[in-house]
Amino acid sequence: MHKMAIIVNDIPMSAGKMAAQVAHAAVECTLKTQKKNPSLLKKWLDEGQKKVVLKAYIDDIESLKKKADSMGLCTSLIHDAGLTELEPGTPTALAIGPAEESKIDKITGQLPLK
């Protein structure tokens, strides 16, 4: 099985803002995977597009991104444009995957659900 993990920066933001940032990260990783590994994307899509939303602080998010990048996984770290409730450039969400669940779990298995 395959999945995508989206890690939300544990900062104050409305539910709508958080949902939009999670969507940005998921879409960006999906599009990157479509270009780099279409067969992986097809497997994930055929399996139902499993996703999990987790939370962490930015220092942890940055180290998670480095670890995922070093493993060759697709990542997308979203920074807010600052048009509504956050300062411009605020990191909001990191998507990792899609990838095999075991690979995602090695990176994010210790994080709590959002």
Protein backbone atom coordinates (compact mmCIF):
# COMPACT_ATOMS: atom_id res chain seq x y z
CA MET A 1 0.00 0.00 0.00
CA HIS A 2 0.97 3.60 -0.61
CA LYS A 3 0.11 6.83 1.15
CA MET A 4 0.88 10.51 1.43
CA ALA A 5 1.55 12.29 4.71
CA ILE A 6 0.82 15.97 5.15
CA ILE A 7 2.42 17.55 8.20
CA VAL A 8 0.83 20.81 9.36
CA ASN A 9 2.88 23.44 11.17
CA ASP A 10 1.41 23.60 14.68
CA ILE A 11 0.68 27.33 14.61
CA PRO A 12 -2.61 29.20 15.05
CA MET A 13 -4.61 29.16 11.82
CA SER A 14 -8.28 28.71 11.06
CA ALA A 15 -9.63 25.36 9.94
CA GLY A 16 -10.24 26.78 6.47
CA LYS A 17 -6.66 28.09 6.20
CA MET A 18 -5.30 24.75 7.36
CA ALA A 19 -7.44 22.84 4.85
CA ALA A 20 -6.26 25.07 2.01
CA GLN A 21 -2.59 24.63 2.98
CA VAL A 22 -2.97 20.85 3.24
CA ALA A 23 -4.61 20.85 -0.20
CA HIS A 24 -1.80 22.97 -1.69
CA ALA A 25 0.83 20.53 -0.39
CA ALA A 26 -1.06 17.42 -1.53
CA VAL A 27 -1.73 18.77 -5.03
CA GLU A 28 1.88 19.91 -5.49
CA CYS A 29 3.29 16.50 -4.50
CA THR A 30 0.75 14.74 -6.71
CA LEU A 31 1.77 16.84 -9.73
CA LYS A 32 5.48 16.32 -9.03
CA THR A 33 4.93 12.56 -8.79
CA GLN A 34 2.96 12.58 -12.04
CA LYS A 35 6.02 14.01 -13.81
CA LYS A 36 8.72 11.95 -12.07
CA ASN A 37 7.05 8.60 -11.42
CA PRO A 38 3.68 8.13 -13.16
CA SER A 39 3.54 4.40 -12.33
CA LEU A 40 3.83 5.18 -8.59
CA LEU A 41 1.10 7.79 -8.90
CA LYS A 42 -1.16 5.30 -10.67
CA LYS A 43 -0.68 2.73 -7.89
CA TRP A 44 -1.54 5.31 -5.23
CA LEU A 45 -4.59 6.52 -7.17
CA ASP A 46 -5.79 2.95 -7.78
CA GLU A 47 -5.44 2.16 -4.05
CA GLY A 48 -7.70 5.07 -3.06
CA GLN A 49 -5.21 7.92 -2.50
CA LYS A 50 -4.58 7.25 1.20
CA LYS A 51 -3.54 10.38 3.10
CA VAL A 52 -2.82 11.18 6.74
CA VAL A 53 -2.64 14.67 8.26
CA LEU A 54 -0.20 15.08 11.14
CA LYS A 55 1.20 17.97 13.15
CA ALA A 56 4.66 19.16 14.12
CA TYR A 57 6.58 22.36 14.75
CA ILE A 58 8.60 23.97 11.97
CA ASP A 59 12.03 22.81 13.20
CA ASP A 60 10.79 19.22 13.09
CA ILE A 61 9.09 19.79 9.73
CA GLU A 62 12.35 21.01 8.20
CA SER A 63 14.25 17.96 9.48
CA LEU A 64 11.47 15.65 8.22
CA LYS A 65 11.77 17.26 4.78
CA LYS A 66 15.54 16.70 4.74
CA LYS A 67 15.12 13.07 5.73
CA ALA A 68 12.42 12.46 3.08
CA ASP A 69 14.51 14.21 0.43
CA SER A 70 17.53 12.07 1.34
CA MET A 71 15.37 8.95 0.86
CA GLY A 72 14.35 10.17 -2.61
CA LEU A 73 10.72 10.80 -1.68
CA CYS A 74 8.63 13.57 -3.18
CA THR A 75 8.19 16.55 -0.85
CA SER A 76 6.43 19.86 -1.02
CA LEU A 77 6.82 22.49 1.70
CA ILE A 78 4.19 25.20 1.39
CA HIS A 79 4.81 28.80 2.49
CA ASP A 80 1.80 31.07 2.87
CA ALA A 81 1.46 34.09 0.57
CA GLY A 82 0.36 36.24 3.51
CA LEU A 83 -2.84 37.51 1.95
CA THR A 84 -5.14 36.59 4.83
CA GLU A 85 -4.20 35.50 8.35
CA LEU A 86 -0.49 34.61 8.30
CA GLU A 87 2.68 36.57 7.64
CA PRO A 88 4.08 36.18 4.10
CA GLY A 89 6.45 33.23 3.85
CA THR A 90 5.12 31.38 6.90
CA PRO A 91 5.71 27.64 6.40
CA THR A 92 2.35 25.92 6.79
CA ALA A 93 2.36 22.34 5.50
CA LEU A 94 4.73 19.68 4.22
CA ALA A 95 3.53 16.83 2.02
CA ILE A 96 5.61 13.68 1.66
CA GLY A 97 4.74 11.06 -0.93
CA PRO A 98 2.93 9.28 -2.25
CA ALA A 99 5.24 6.39 -1.37
CA GLU A 100 5.15 2.98 0.23
CA GLU A 101 3.57 3.24 3.68
CA SER A 102 6.64 1.75 5.34
CA LYS A 103 8.85 4.51 3.94
CA ILE A 104 6.44 7.25 5.01
CA ASP A 105 6.10 5.68 8.47
CA LYS A 106 9.90 5.67 8.96
CA ILE A 107 9.80 9.45 8.68
CA THR A 108 6.45 10.40 10.23
CA GLY A 109 5.46 7.43 12.42
CA GLN A 110 6.13 9.29 15.68
CA LEU A 111 3.95 12.31 14.84
CA PRO A 112 0.45 12.85 16.28
CA LEU A 113 -2.61 13.25 14.10
CA LYS A 114 -3.77 16.83 13.49
